[in-house]
Amino acid sequence: MPEEIRPQIVDLIIAALQRTYRCKDWLFARLVRHVADEQFTDRIEALSDADDPVVRLRAQFILHVARHPEQRVRYVSWRRWLASAAGT
């Protein structure tokens, strides 16, 4: 990913996590492996403490994606992660 657009992509992912879900929002998770670094992770971890429980879950999912870049993100990834997170 070109370094000059990286900050905008990070902001786009953050905005997607905080807004009401829209069709295809799950695709933003595919970008995480391209921007995940300590600064990105810090911003997402801050969202994982949000008052909104949906934002918290989305942030936790993105942290999971960042920690496991070898796993492909697909349409069912969120649902599978959510099911496994609920079981823990």
C-alpha atoms as a PDB file:
ATOM      1  CA  MET A   1       0.000   0.000   0.000  1.00  0.00           C
ATOM      2  CA  PRO A   2       1.444   3.396  -0.901  1.00  0.00           C
ATOM      3  CA  GLU A   3       2.480   5.214   2.258  1.00  0.00           C
ATOM      4  CA  GLU A   4       0.792   8.448   1.156  1.00  0.00           C
ATOM      5  CA  ILE A   5      -2.696   6.882   1.266  1.00  0.00           C
ATOM      6  CA  ARG A   6      -2.169   4.741   4.364  1.00  0.00           C
ATOM      7  CA  PRO A   7      -3.502   7.376   6.835  1.00  0.00           C
ATOM      8  CA  GLN A   8      -6.719   7.748   4.821  1.00  0.00           C
ATOM      9  CA  ILE A   9      -7.231   3.978   4.762  1.00  0.00           C
ATOM     10  CA  VAL A  10      -6.746   3.821   8.545  1.00  0.00           C
ATOM     11  CA  ASP A  11      -9.292   6.630   9.005  1.00  0.00           C
ATOM     12  CA  LEU A  12     -11.698   4.807   6.672  1.00  0.00           C
ATOM     13  CA  ILE A  13     -11.463   1.616   8.739  1.00  0.00           C
ATOM     14  CA  ILE A  14     -11.977   3.555  11.989  1.00  0.00           C
ATOM     15  CA  ALA A  15     -15.018   5.337  10.524  1.00  0.00           C
ATOM     16  CA  ALA A  16     -16.517   2.042   9.327  1.00  0.00           C
ATOM     17  CA  LEU A  17     -16.182   0.569  12.812  1.00  0.00           C
ATOM     18  CA  GLN A  18     -17.992   3.494  14.422  1.00  0.00           C
ATOM     19  CA  ARG A  19     -20.916   3.981  12.058  1.00  0.00           C
ATOM     20  CA  THR A  20     -24.108   2.057  11.571  1.00  0.00           C
ATOM     21  CA  TYR A  21     -23.414  -1.083   9.547  1.00  0.00           C
ATOM     22  CA  ARG A  22     -23.746  -0.733   5.809  1.00  0.00           C
ATOM     23  CA  CYS A  23     -23.652  -3.363   3.119  1.00  0.00           C
ATOM     24  CA  LYS A  24     -20.154  -4.709   2.469  1.00  0.00           C
ATOM     25  CA  ASP A  25     -18.562  -3.051   5.547  1.00  0.00           C
ATOM     26  CA  TRP A  26     -16.924  -6.391   6.311  1.00  0.00           C
ATOM     27  CA  LEU A  27     -14.633  -5.814   3.331  1.00  0.00           C
ATOM     28  CA  PHE A  28     -12.747  -3.134   5.271  1.00  0.00           C
ATOM     29  CA  ALA A  29     -11.312  -5.905   7.456  1.00  0.00           C
ATOM     30  CA  ARG A  30      -9.349  -7.114   4.420  1.00  0.00           C
ATOM     31  CA  LEU A  31      -7.344  -3.891   4.506  1.00  0.00           C
ATOM     32  CA  VAL A  32      -6.127  -4.425   8.059  1.00  0.00           C
ATOM     33  CA  ARG A  33      -3.108  -6.557   7.154  1.00  0.00           C
ATOM     34  CA  HIS A  34      -1.878  -3.708   4.951  1.00  0.00           C
ATOM     35  CA  VAL A  35      -2.036  -1.020   7.635  1.00  0.00           C
ATOM     36  CA  ALA A  36      -1.620  -2.898  10.925  1.00  0.00           C
ATOM     37  CA  ASP A  37       1.153  -1.421  13.001  1.00  0.00           C
ATOM     38  CA  GLU A  38       1.459  -0.254  16.589  1.00  0.00           C
ATOM     39  CA  GLN A  39      -0.241   3.099  15.960  1.00  0.00           C
ATOM     40  CA  PHE A  40      -3.154   1.420  14.162  1.00  0.00           C
ATOM     41  CA  THR A  41      -3.507  -1.178  16.906  1.00  0.00           C
ATOM     42  CA  ASP A  42      -3.510   1.552  19.567  1.00  0.00           C
ATOM     43  CA  ARG A  43      -6.361   3.350  17.812  1.00  0.00           C
ATOM     44  CA  ILE A  44      -8.376   0.147  17.485  1.00  0.00           C
ATOM     45  CA  GLU A  45      -7.713  -0.822  21.115  1.00  0.00           C
ATOM     46  CA  ALA A  46      -9.146   2.552  22.164  1.00  0.00           C
ATOM     47  CA  LEU A  47     -12.346   1.633  20.289  1.00  0.00           C
ATOM     48  CA  SER A  48     -12.467  -1.753  22.005  1.00  0.00           C
ATOM     49  CA  ASP A  49     -13.377   0.182  25.180  1.00  0.00           C
ATOM     50  CA  ALA A  50     -16.168   2.177  23.490  1.00  0.00           C
ATOM     51  CA  ASP A  51     -19.533   2.638  25.180  1.00  0.00           C
ATOM     52  CA  ASP A  52     -21.338   1.154  22.193  1.00  0.00           C
ATOM     53  CA  PRO A  53     -21.207  -2.652  22.450  1.00  0.00           C
ATOM     54  CA  VAL A  54     -21.332  -3.079  18.654  1.00  0.00           C
ATOM     55  CA  VAL A  55     -18.332  -0.782  18.177  1.00  0.00           C
ATOM     56  CA  ARG A  56     -16.489  -2.723  20.902  1.00  0.00           C
ATOM     57  CA  LEU A  57     -17.142  -6.038  19.151  1.00  0.00           C
ATOM     58  CA  ARG A  58     -16.130  -4.703  15.752  1.00  0.00           C
ATOM     59  CA  ALA A  59     -12.898  -3.311  17.204  1.00  0.00           C
ATOM     60  CA  GLN A  60     -12.140  -6.612  18.910  1.00  0.00           C
ATOM     61  CA  PHE A  61     -12.703  -8.417  15.610  1.00  0.00           C
ATOM     62  CA  ILE A  62     -10.325  -6.042  13.812  1.00  0.00           C
ATOM     63  CA  LEU A  63      -7.718  -6.642  16.519  1.00  0.00           C
ATOM     64  CA  HIS A  64      -8.157 -10.367  15.919  1.00  0.00           C
ATOM     65  CA  VAL A  65      -7.656  -9.845  12.182  1.00  0.00           C
ATOM     66  CA  ALA A  66      -4.529  -7.747  12.838  1.00  0.00           C
ATOM     67  CA  ARG A  67      -3.093 -10.446  15.116  1.00  0.00           C
ATOM     68  CA  HIS A  68      -3.806 -13.211  12.584  1.00  0.00           C
ATOM     69  CA  PRO A  69      -2.844 -11.823   9.163  1.00  0.00           C
ATOM     70  CA  GLU A  70      -2.450 -15.339   7.803  1.00  0.00           C
ATOM     71  CA  GLN A  71      -6.211 -15.907   8.072  1.00  0.00           C
ATOM     72  CA  ARG A  72      -8.208 -14.795   5.063  1.00  0.00           C
ATOM     73  CA  VAL A  73     -11.106 -12.477   5.752  1.00  0.00           C
ATOM     74  CA  ARG A  74     -14.273 -13.647   4.058  1.00  0.00           C
ATOM     75  CA  TYR A  75     -17.954 -12.882   4.331  1.00  0.00           C
ATOM     76  CA  VAL A  76     -18.407 -15.460   7.098  1.00  0.00           C
ATOM     77  CA  SER A  77     -15.296 -14.440   9.078  1.00  0.00           C
ATOM     78  CA  TRP A  78     -17.168 -11.948  11.259  1.00  0.00           C
ATOM     79  CA  ARG A  79     -19.965 -14.390  12.049  1.00  0.00           C
ATOM     80  CA  ARG A  80     -17.539 -17.200  12.861  1.00  0.00           C
ATOM     81  CA  TRP A  81     -15.435 -14.938  15.041  1.00  0.00           C
ATOM     82  CA  LEU A  82     -18.549 -13.625  16.790  1.00  0.00           C
ATOM     83  CA  ALA A  83     -19.766 -17.167  17.483  1.00  0.00           C
ATOM     84  CA  SER A  84     -16.375 -18.199  18.871  1.00  0.00           C
ATOM     85  CA  ALA A  85     -16.107 -15.019  20.964  1.00  0.00           C
ATOM     86  CA  ALA A  86     -19.558 -15.651  22.441  1.00  0.00           C
ATOM     87  CA  GLY A  87     -18.501 -19.170  23.366  1.00  0.00           C
ATOM     88  CA  THR A  88     -15.476 -18.006  25.374  1.00  0.00           C
END
